[in-house]
Amino acid sequence: MASIKEELNDILMFISWRQFSRSYFNRSSSWIYHKLDGIDPITDSERLKLKESLLSLSERIRNCADSI
């Protein structure tokens, strides 16, 4: 199984992980970076929330693009 960071490689540099962590998890930037770097293992429920959060963000991006 690939690490979270490897799975997110294509978008890592395009997201403010500090803001993402605060907005979707109500956590600090160090929390999300520890998860991404594998310092703290990501739980199954956190993995699911990450997936749902990325889908939410993608929908917000799509809505912005559609309004242009």
N, C-alpha and C. Protein backbone atom coordinates (compact mmCIF):
# COMPACT_ATOMS: atom_id res chain seq x y z
N MET A 1 0.85 -1.18 0.00
CA MET A 1 0.00 0.00 0.00
C MET A 1 0.90 1.25 0.00
N ALA A 2 0.56 2.20 -0.85
CA ALA A 2 1.32 3.44 -0.94
C ALA A 2 1.02 4.32 0.27
N SER A 3 2.00 5.14 0.62
CA SER A 3 1.79 6.08 1.73
C SER A 3 0.83 7.17 1.28
N ILE A 4 0.26 7.86 2.25
CA ILE A 4 -0.65 8.96 1.94
C ILE A 4 0.06 10.00 1.08
N LYS A 5 1.28 10.33 1.42
CA LYS A 5 2.03 11.33 0.66
C LYS A 5 2.22 10.88 -0.79
N GLU A 6 2.51 9.60 -1.00
CA GLU A 6 2.66 9.08 -2.36
C GLU A 6 1.33 9.14 -3.12
N GLU A 7 0.25 8.84 -2.42
CA GLU A 7 -1.07 8.87 -3.06
C GLU A 7 -1.47 10.30 -3.45
N LEU A 8 -1.00 11.29 -2.70
CA LEU A 8 -1.36 12.69 -2.94
C LEU A 8 -0.31 13.44 -3.74
N ASN A 9 0.70 12.75 -4.21
CA ASN A 9 1.84 13.38 -4.88
C ASN A 9 1.43 14.35 -5.98
N ASP A 10 0.42 14.02 -6.74
CA ASP A 10 0.01 14.84 -7.88
C ASP A 10 -0.54 16.21 -7.45
N ILE A 11 -1.03 16.32 -6.22
CA ILE A 11 -1.66 17.57 -5.79
C ILE A 11 -0.97 18.22 -4.59
N LEU A 12 0.07 17.62 -4.07
CA LEU A 12 0.71 18.12 -2.84
C LEU A 12 1.04 19.61 -2.89
N MET A 13 1.58 20.07 -3.99
CA MET A 13 2.04 21.45 -4.07
C MET A 13 0.92 22.44 -4.41
N PHE A 14 -0.29 21.96 -4.68
CA PHE A 14 -1.38 22.83 -5.09
C PHE A 14 -2.36 23.15 -3.97
N ILE A 15 -2.15 22.55 -2.81
CA ILE A 15 -3.09 22.73 -1.70
C ILE A 15 -2.36 23.35 -0.52
N SER A 16 -3.01 24.32 0.11
CA SER A 16 -2.51 24.83 1.38
C SER A 16 -2.94 23.82 2.44
N TRP A 17 -2.03 22.96 2.82
CA TRP A 17 -2.37 21.90 3.78
C TRP A 17 -2.69 22.47 5.15
N ARG A 18 -2.12 23.62 5.47
CA ARG A 18 -2.43 24.30 6.74
C ARG A 18 -3.91 24.66 6.75
N GLN A 19 -4.37 25.32 5.68
CA GLN A 19 -5.78 25.72 5.61
C GLN A 19 -6.69 24.50 5.48
N PHE A 20 -6.27 23.52 4.72
CA PHE A 20 -7.05 22.30 4.54
C PHE A 20 -7.26 21.61 5.89
N SER A 21 -6.19 21.49 6.66
CA SER A 21 -6.24 20.84 7.96
C SER A 21 -7.18 21.58 8.91
N ARG A 22 -7.08 22.89 8.90
CA ARG A 22 -7.95 23.70 9.77
C ARG A 22 -9.40 23.62 9.34
N SER A 23 -9.64 23.73 8.04
CA SER A 23 -11.01 23.77 7.53
C SER A 23 -11.75 22.44 7.65
N TYR A 24 -11.08 21.37 7.32
CA TYR A 24 -11.76 20.07 7.25
C TYR A 24 -11.56 19.19 8.48
N PHE A 25 -10.48 19.41 9.22
CA PHE A 25 -10.21 18.56 10.38
C PHE A 25 -10.18 19.33 11.69
N ASN A 26 -10.18 20.67 11.61
CA ASN A 26 -10.07 21.51 12.80
C ASN A 26 -8.79 21.14 13.57
N ARG A 27 -7.71 20.96 12.82
CA ARG A 27 -6.41 20.57 13.38
C ARG A 27 -5.33 21.51 12.87
N SER A 28 -4.18 21.45 13.49
CA SER A 28 -3.05 22.30 13.11
C SER A 28 -2.36 21.77 11.86
N SER A 29 -1.53 22.62 11.29
CA SER A 29 -0.77 22.20 10.12
C SER A 29 0.22 21.08 10.48
N SER A 30 0.79 21.14 11.68
CA SER A 30 1.73 20.08 12.07
C SER A 30 1.02 18.73 12.13
N TRP A 31 -0.23 18.72 12.52
CA TRP A 31 -1.00 17.47 12.58
C TRP A 31 -1.07 16.83 11.19
N ILE A 32 -1.48 17.62 10.19
CA ILE A 32 -1.63 17.06 8.85
C ILE A 32 -0.28 16.67 8.26
N TYR A 33 0.76 17.48 8.51
CA TYR A 33 2.08 17.14 7.99
C TYR A 33 2.62 15.87 8.64
N HIS A 34 2.35 15.66 9.91
CA HIS A 34 2.76 14.41 10.56
C HIS A 34 2.05 13.21 9.94
N LYS A 35 0.78 13.40 9.58
CA LYS A 35 0.03 12.32 8.93
C LYS A 35 0.60 12.07 7.52
N LEU A 36 0.84 13.15 6.78
CA LEU A 36 1.36 13.00 5.42
C LEU A 36 2.75 12.38 5.40
N ASP A 37 3.57 12.73 6.37
CA ASP A 37 4.94 12.21 6.42
C ASP A 37 5.05 10.85 7.10
N GLY A 38 3.94 10.34 7.64
CA GLY A 38 3.96 9.03 8.28
C GLY A 38 4.52 9.04 9.69
N ILE A 39 4.73 10.22 10.27
CA ILE A 39 5.21 10.31 11.64
C ILE A 39 4.14 9.78 12.59
N ASP A 40 2.91 10.19 12.35
CA ASP A 40 1.74 9.65 13.06
C ASP A 40 0.93 8.86 12.04
N PRO A 41 0.68 7.60 12.29
CA PRO A 41 -0.10 6.81 11.32
C PRO A 41 -1.51 7.38 11.16
N ILE A 42 -2.00 7.33 9.94
CA ILE A 42 -3.36 7.78 9.67
C ILE A 42 -4.31 6.62 9.93
N THR A 43 -5.36 6.90 10.67
CA THR A 43 -6.33 5.85 10.98
C THR A 43 -7.28 5.66 9.81
N ASP A 44 -8.03 4.58 9.83
CA ASP A 44 -9.00 4.33 8.78
C ASP A 44 -10.05 5.44 8.72
N SER A 45 -10.49 5.92 9.88
CA SER A 45 -11.50 6.98 9.89
C SER A 45 -10.91 8.30 9.38
N GLU A 46 -9.64 8.57 9.67
CA GLU A 46 -8.99 9.77 9.15
C GLU A 46 -8.79 9.67 7.64
N ARG A 47 -8.47 8.48 7.18
CA ARG A 47 -8.31 8.25 5.74
C ARG A 47 -9.63 8.50 5.02
N LEU A 48 -10.72 8.02 5.58
CA LEU A 48 -12.04 8.24 4.99
C LEU A 48 -12.39 9.73 5.00
N LYS A 49 -12.12 10.41 6.12
CA LYS A 49 -12.40 11.84 6.20
C LYS A 49 -11.54 12.61 5.21
N LEU A 50 -10.29 12.21 5.02
CA LEU A 50 -9.42 12.84 4.04
C LEU A 50 -10.02 12.68 2.63
N LYS A 51 -10.47 11.50 2.32
CA LYS A 51 -11.10 11.25 1.02
C LYS A 51 -12.31 12.15 0.84
N GLU A 52 -13.19 12.18 1.83
CA GLU A 52 -14.40 12.99 1.75
C GLU A 52 -14.06 14.48 1.64
N SER A 53 -13.03 14.91 2.35
CA SER A 53 -12.61 16.31 2.31
C SER A 53 -12.05 16.68 0.95
N LEU A 54 -11.26 15.81 0.37
CA LEU A 54 -10.73 16.07 -0.97
C LEU A 54 -11.84 16.11 -2.01
N LEU A 55 -12.83 15.25 -1.86
CA LEU A 55 -13.97 15.28 -2.77
C LEU A 55 -14.76 16.58 -2.61
N SER A 56 -14.92 17.03 -1.38
CA SER A 56 -15.60 18.30 -1.13
C SER A 56 -14.84 19.45 -1.77
N LEU A 57 -13.53 19.47 -1.59
CA LEU A 57 -12.70 20.52 -2.18
C LEU A 57 -12.77 20.47 -3.70
N SER A 58 -12.76 19.28 -4.26
CA SER A 58 -12.83 19.16 -5.72
C SER A 58 -14.16 19.68 -6.24
N GLU A 59 -15.22 19.47 -5.50
CA GLU A 59 -16.54 19.99 -5.89
C GLU A 59 -16.54 21.52 -5.83
N ARG A 60 -15.92 22.09 -4.81
CA ARG A 60 -15.82 23.54 -4.70
C ARG A 60 -15.02 24.12 -5.87
N ILE A 61 -13.95 23.45 -6.24
CA ILE A 61 -13.15 23.89 -7.38
C ILE A 61 -13.96 23.81 -8.67
N ARG A 62 -14.68 22.72 -8.85
CA ARG A 62 -15.52 22.55 -10.04
C ARG A 62 -16.58 23.64 -10.11
N ASN A 63 -17.21 23.94 -8.99
CA ASN A 63 -18.23 24.99 -8.98
C ASN A 63 -17.63 26.35 -9.35
N CYS A 64 -16.44 26.64 -8.86
CA CYS A 64 -15.77 27.90 -9.23
C CYS A 64 -15.47 27.92 -10.71
N ALA A 65 -14.95 26.81 -11.23
CA ALA A 65 -14.62 26.74 -12.66
C ALA A 65 -15.88 26.90 -13.51
N ASP A 66 -16.98 26.28 -13.08
CA ASP A 66 -18.23 26.38 -13.84
C ASP A 66 -18.79 27.81 -13.85
N SER A 67 -18.44 28.59 -12.85
CA SER A 67 -18.98 29.95 -12.79
C SER A 67 -18.18 30.93 -13.64
N ILE A 68 -17.07 30.49 -14.18
CA ILE A 68 -16.23 31.38 -15.01
C ILE A 68 -16.80 31.48 -16.41
